[in-house]
């Protein structure tokens, strides 16, 4: 594990995507406890994508340098794609309705898991992202499982903080959409910088 992996993972996790938006919306609608449950569900939802990616990548990383370069450029393209969709994202960080009747923990967890399981971008992300930080001289499967576990732990913490913050300042978030726009554009610019760094990285 390197500092580059930690920083890149933090930026990716902190970017308001589908799971983060669901956690924030849950916090806005139902409070801190419900948002933490949503964060746990979103984290669990990462497991299928992670396992699928790790299983396929184990063989690829044993192949030629051409395969490694191909994966590297997939990673660069994916980061640029994330920058593009993040810059153009206009989704409002508000719940559909603020209800006094809170859904049960199992319902929130199930919805959160589905949000990530049904998101094909997650598997593509792991496929393009993990190989950039794997040492070819060491067993790739164990490394990818370890890195994935760290990524999931970061997801849980960041999403829980997002949800708790949304629950605490819901009126300010709803009334100041420019703050969300500024945050997304900052993340988009960071993605471009990460893609440039990855493009010049050699094995």
Protein backbone atom coordinates (compact mmCIF):
# COMPACT_ATOMS: atom_id res chain seq x y z
CA UNK A 1 0.00 0.00 0.00
CA UNK A 2 1.31 3.43 -0.95
CA UNK A 3 0.44 7.02 -0.19
CA UNK A 4 -0.67 7.39 -3.80
CA UNK A 5 -3.19 4.58 -3.32
CA UNK A 6 -4.57 6.16 -0.14
CA UNK A 7 -4.88 9.61 -1.70
CA UNK A 8 -6.41 8.33 -4.93
CA UNK A 9 -8.86 6.13 -3.04
CA UNK A 10 -9.85 9.00 -0.78
CA UNK A 11 -10.59 11.26 -3.73
CA UNK A 12 -12.62 8.55 -5.47
CA UNK A 13 -14.54 7.61 -2.31
CA UNK A 14 -15.19 11.25 -1.41
CA UNK A 15 -16.58 12.09 -4.85
CA UNK A 16 -20.39 12.22 -4.57
CA UNK A 17 -21.45 9.21 -6.63
CA UNK A 18 -24.51 6.99 -6.54
CA UNK A 19 -23.78 5.44 -3.15
CA UNK A 20 -22.75 8.71 -1.56
CA UNK A 21 -25.85 10.45 -2.89
CA UNK A 22 -28.07 7.73 -1.45
CA UNK A 23 -26.35 7.98 1.93
CA UNK A 24 -26.63 11.76 1.92
CA UNK A 25 -30.29 11.62 0.89
CA UNK A 26 -30.97 9.14 3.69
CA UNK A 27 -29.29 11.46 6.17
CA UNK A 28 -31.32 14.41 4.90
CA UNK A 29 -34.57 12.49 5.16
CA UNK A 30 -34.14 10.25 8.21
CA UNK A 31 -31.21 11.39 10.32
CA UNK A 32 -27.75 10.24 11.35
CA UNK A 33 -28.50 6.66 12.39
CA UNK A 34 -30.25 5.86 9.12
CA UNK A 35 -27.39 7.39 7.12
CA UNK A 36 -24.83 5.21 8.92
CA UNK A 37 -26.93 2.14 8.09
CA UNK A 38 -26.96 3.28 4.45
CA UNK A 39 -23.17 3.68 4.53
CA UNK A 40 -22.81 0.10 5.79
CA UNK A 41 -25.10 -1.15 3.01
CA UNK A 42 -23.17 0.71 0.32
CA UNK A 43 -19.93 -0.77 1.63
CA UNK A 44 -21.35 -4.30 1.55
CA UNK A 45 -22.50 -3.63 -2.00
CA UNK A 46 -18.87 -3.23 -3.07
CA UNK A 47 -18.04 -6.90 -2.33
CA UNK A 48 -19.51 -8.51 -5.49
CA UNK A 49 -17.76 -6.06 -7.80
CA UNK A 50 -14.51 -6.44 -5.91
CA UNK A 51 -14.56 -10.25 -6.04
CA UNK A 52 -15.41 -10.27 -9.74
CA UNK A 53 -12.59 -7.90 -10.56
CA UNK A 54 -10.00 -9.63 -8.38
CA UNK A 55 -10.80 -13.05 -9.85
CA UNK A 56 -10.33 -11.87 -13.41
CA UNK A 57 -7.31 -9.69 -12.75
CA UNK A 58 -5.26 -12.41 -11.06
CA UNK A 59 -4.58 -14.09 -14.41
CA UNK A 60 -4.15 -10.87 -16.39
CA UNK A 61 -1.39 -9.55 -14.15
CA UNK A 62 0.68 -12.64 -14.90
CA UNK A 63 0.63 -11.92 -18.63
CA UNK A 64 2.64 -9.63 -20.87
CA UNK A 65 3.65 -6.00 -20.48
CA UNK A 66 1.18 -5.19 -23.26
CA UNK A 67 -1.66 -6.39 -21.05
CA UNK A 68 -0.38 -4.24 -18.19
CA UNK A 69 -0.19 -1.16 -20.43
CA UNK A 70 -3.70 -1.85 -21.70
CA UNK A 71 -5.04 -1.93 -18.15
CA UNK A 72 -3.10 1.20 -17.28
CA UNK A 73 -4.69 3.14 -20.14
CA UNK A 74 -8.10 1.79 -19.18
CA UNK A 75 -7.46 3.34 -15.79
CA UNK A 76 -6.49 6.67 -17.35
CA UNK A 77 -9.61 6.64 -19.51
CA UNK A 78 -11.82 5.76 -16.58
CA UNK A 79 -10.49 8.61 -14.45
CA UNK A 80 -11.08 11.04 -17.31
CA UNK A 81 -14.59 9.64 -17.70
CA UNK A 82 -15.22 10.18 -13.99
CA UNK A 83 -13.96 13.75 -14.34
CA UNK A 84 -16.39 14.35 -17.21
CA UNK A 85 -19.49 12.93 -15.53
CA UNK A 86 -18.62 14.58 -12.21
CA UNK A 87 -18.24 17.98 -13.88
CA UNK A 88 -21.57 17.61 -15.70
CA UNK A 89 -23.51 16.09 -12.78
CA UNK A 90 -26.41 18.35 -11.78
CA UNK A 91 -28.14 15.96 -9.36
CA UNK A 92 -29.56 17.77 -6.36
CA UNK A 93 -28.49 16.46 -2.97
CA UNK A 94 -31.99 16.37 -1.53
CA UNK A 95 -34.31 13.60 -0.52
CA UNK A 96 -37.50 13.08 -2.50
CA UNK A 97 -39.51 13.60 0.62
CA UNK A 98 -38.76 14.21 4.28
CA UNK A 99 -40.89 11.74 6.12
CA UNK A 100 -41.45 11.32 9.84
CA UNK A 101 -41.80 7.57 9.31
CA UNK A 102 -38.34 6.10 9.07
CA UNK A 103 -37.78 2.91 7.05
CA UNK A 104 -36.32 -0.08 8.87
CA UNK A 105 -32.59 -0.81 8.95
CA UNK A 106 -32.97 -3.88 6.73
CA UNK A 107 -34.82 -1.89 4.10
CA UNK A 108 -32.18 0.86 4.09
CA UNK A 109 -29.36 -1.69 3.94
CA UNK A 110 -31.02 -3.63 1.14
CA UNK A 111 -31.53 -0.51 -0.94
CA UNK A 112 -27.95 0.64 -0.34
CA UNK A 113 -26.53 -2.77 -1.34
CA UNK A 114 -28.63 -2.76 -4.50
CA UNK A 115 -27.41 0.73 -5.41
CA UNK A 116 -23.84 -0.56 -5.68
CA UNK A 117 -24.51 -4.12 -6.85
CA UNK A 118 -26.56 -2.83 -9.78
CA UNK A 119 -23.94 -0.24 -10.70
CA UNK A 120 -21.72 -1.76 -13.46
CA UNK A 121 -19.29 1.14 -13.16
CA UNK A 122 -18.10 -0.27 -9.84
CA UNK A 123 -16.71 -3.46 -11.37
CA UNK A 124 -15.06 -1.47 -14.16
CA UNK A 125 -13.55 0.79 -11.53
CA UNK A 126 -11.93 -2.09 -9.65
CA UNK A 127 -10.75 -3.63 -12.90
CA UNK A 128 -9.04 -0.40 -13.97
CA UNK A 129 -7.93 0.87 -10.56
CA UNK A 130 -6.42 -1.96 -8.53
CA UNK A 131 -3.69 -3.07 -10.98
CA UNK A 132 -2.07 0.36 -10.80
CA UNK A 133 -1.00 -0.36 -7.21
CA UNK A 134 -0.08 -4.04 -7.35
CA UNK A 135 3.55 -5.15 -7.09
CA UNK A 136 4.05 -7.77 -9.86
CA UNK A 137 6.72 -9.47 -7.76
CA UNK A 138 4.22 -10.41 -5.06
CA UNK A 139 1.02 -12.55 -5.12
CA UNK A 140 -1.56 -10.32 -6.86
CA UNK A 141 -4.71 -11.82 -5.30
CA UNK A 142 -3.67 -11.14 -1.70
CA UNK A 143 -2.58 -7.63 -2.59
CA UNK A 144 -5.85 -6.83 -4.35
CA UNK A 145 -7.93 -8.23 -1.49
CA UNK A 146 -5.94 -6.17 0.98
CA UNK A 147 -6.25 -2.99 -1.06
CA UNK A 148 -9.95 -3.65 -1.59
CA UNK A 149 -10.47 -4.03 2.16
CA UNK A 150 -8.80 -0.66 2.75
CA UNK A 151 -10.93 0.92 0.02
CA UNK A 152 -14.09 -0.50 1.63
CA UNK A 153 -13.07 0.76 5.08
CA UNK A 154 -12.50 4.24 3.64
CA UNK A 155 -15.90 4.05 1.92
CA UNK A 156 -17.65 3.21 5.17
CA UNK A 157 -16.02 6.04 7.10
CA UNK A 158 -16.43 8.72 4.41
CA UNK A 159 -20.03 7.79 3.61
CA UNK A 160 -20.95 7.74 7.30
CA UNK A 161 -19.43 11.20 7.71
CA UNK A 162 -21.31 12.44 4.65
CA UNK A 163 -24.58 11.12 6.00
CA UNK A 164 -24.05 12.47 9.50
CA UNK A 165 -23.10 15.87 8.11
CA UNK A 166 -26.16 15.92 5.85
CA UNK A 167 -28.40 15.03 8.78
CA UNK A 168 -26.89 17.82 10.87
CA UNK A 169 -26.98 20.62 8.30
CA UNK A 170 -29.78 19.52 5.98
CA UNK A 171 -31.30 22.98 5.61
CA UNK A 172 -27.96 24.53 4.64
CA UNK A 173 -27.19 21.83 2.07
CA UNK A 174 -30.59 22.13 0.46
CA UNK A 175 -30.50 25.91 0.33
CA UNK A 176 -26.95 26.22 -1.07
CA UNK A 177 -26.57 24.09 -4.22
CA UNK A 178 -23.58 26.17 -5.34
CA UNK A 179 -21.51 24.53 -2.60
CA UNK A 180 -22.24 21.10 -4.13
CA UNK A 181 -21.36 22.39 -7.62
CA UNK A 182 -18.03 23.75 -6.40
CA UNK A 183 -17.24 20.49 -4.64
CA UNK A 184 -17.98 18.40 -7.72
CA UNK A 185 -15.85 20.59 -9.98
CA UNK A 186 -12.95 20.34 -7.56
CA UNK A 187 -13.20 16.54 -7.62
CA UNK A 188 -13.39 16.57 -11.43
CA UNK A 189 -10.18 18.59 -11.68
CA UNK A 190 -8.52 16.19 -9.25
CA UNK A 191 -9.52 13.23 -11.45
CA UNK A 192 -7.81 14.86 -14.43
CA UNK A 193 -4.63 15.37 -12.41
CA UNK A 194 -4.69 11.74 -11.25
CA UNK A 195 -5.20 10.55 -14.83
CA UNK A 196 -2.19 12.58 -15.98
CA UNK A 197 -0.07 11.08 -13.22
CA UNK A 198 -1.18 7.56 -14.08
CA UNK A 199 -0.43 8.11 -17.78
CA UNK A 200 3.25 8.77 -17.09
CA UNK A 201 3.62 5.94 -14.56
CA UNK A 202 5.72 2.96 -15.64
CA UNK A 203 5.49 -0.55 -14.28
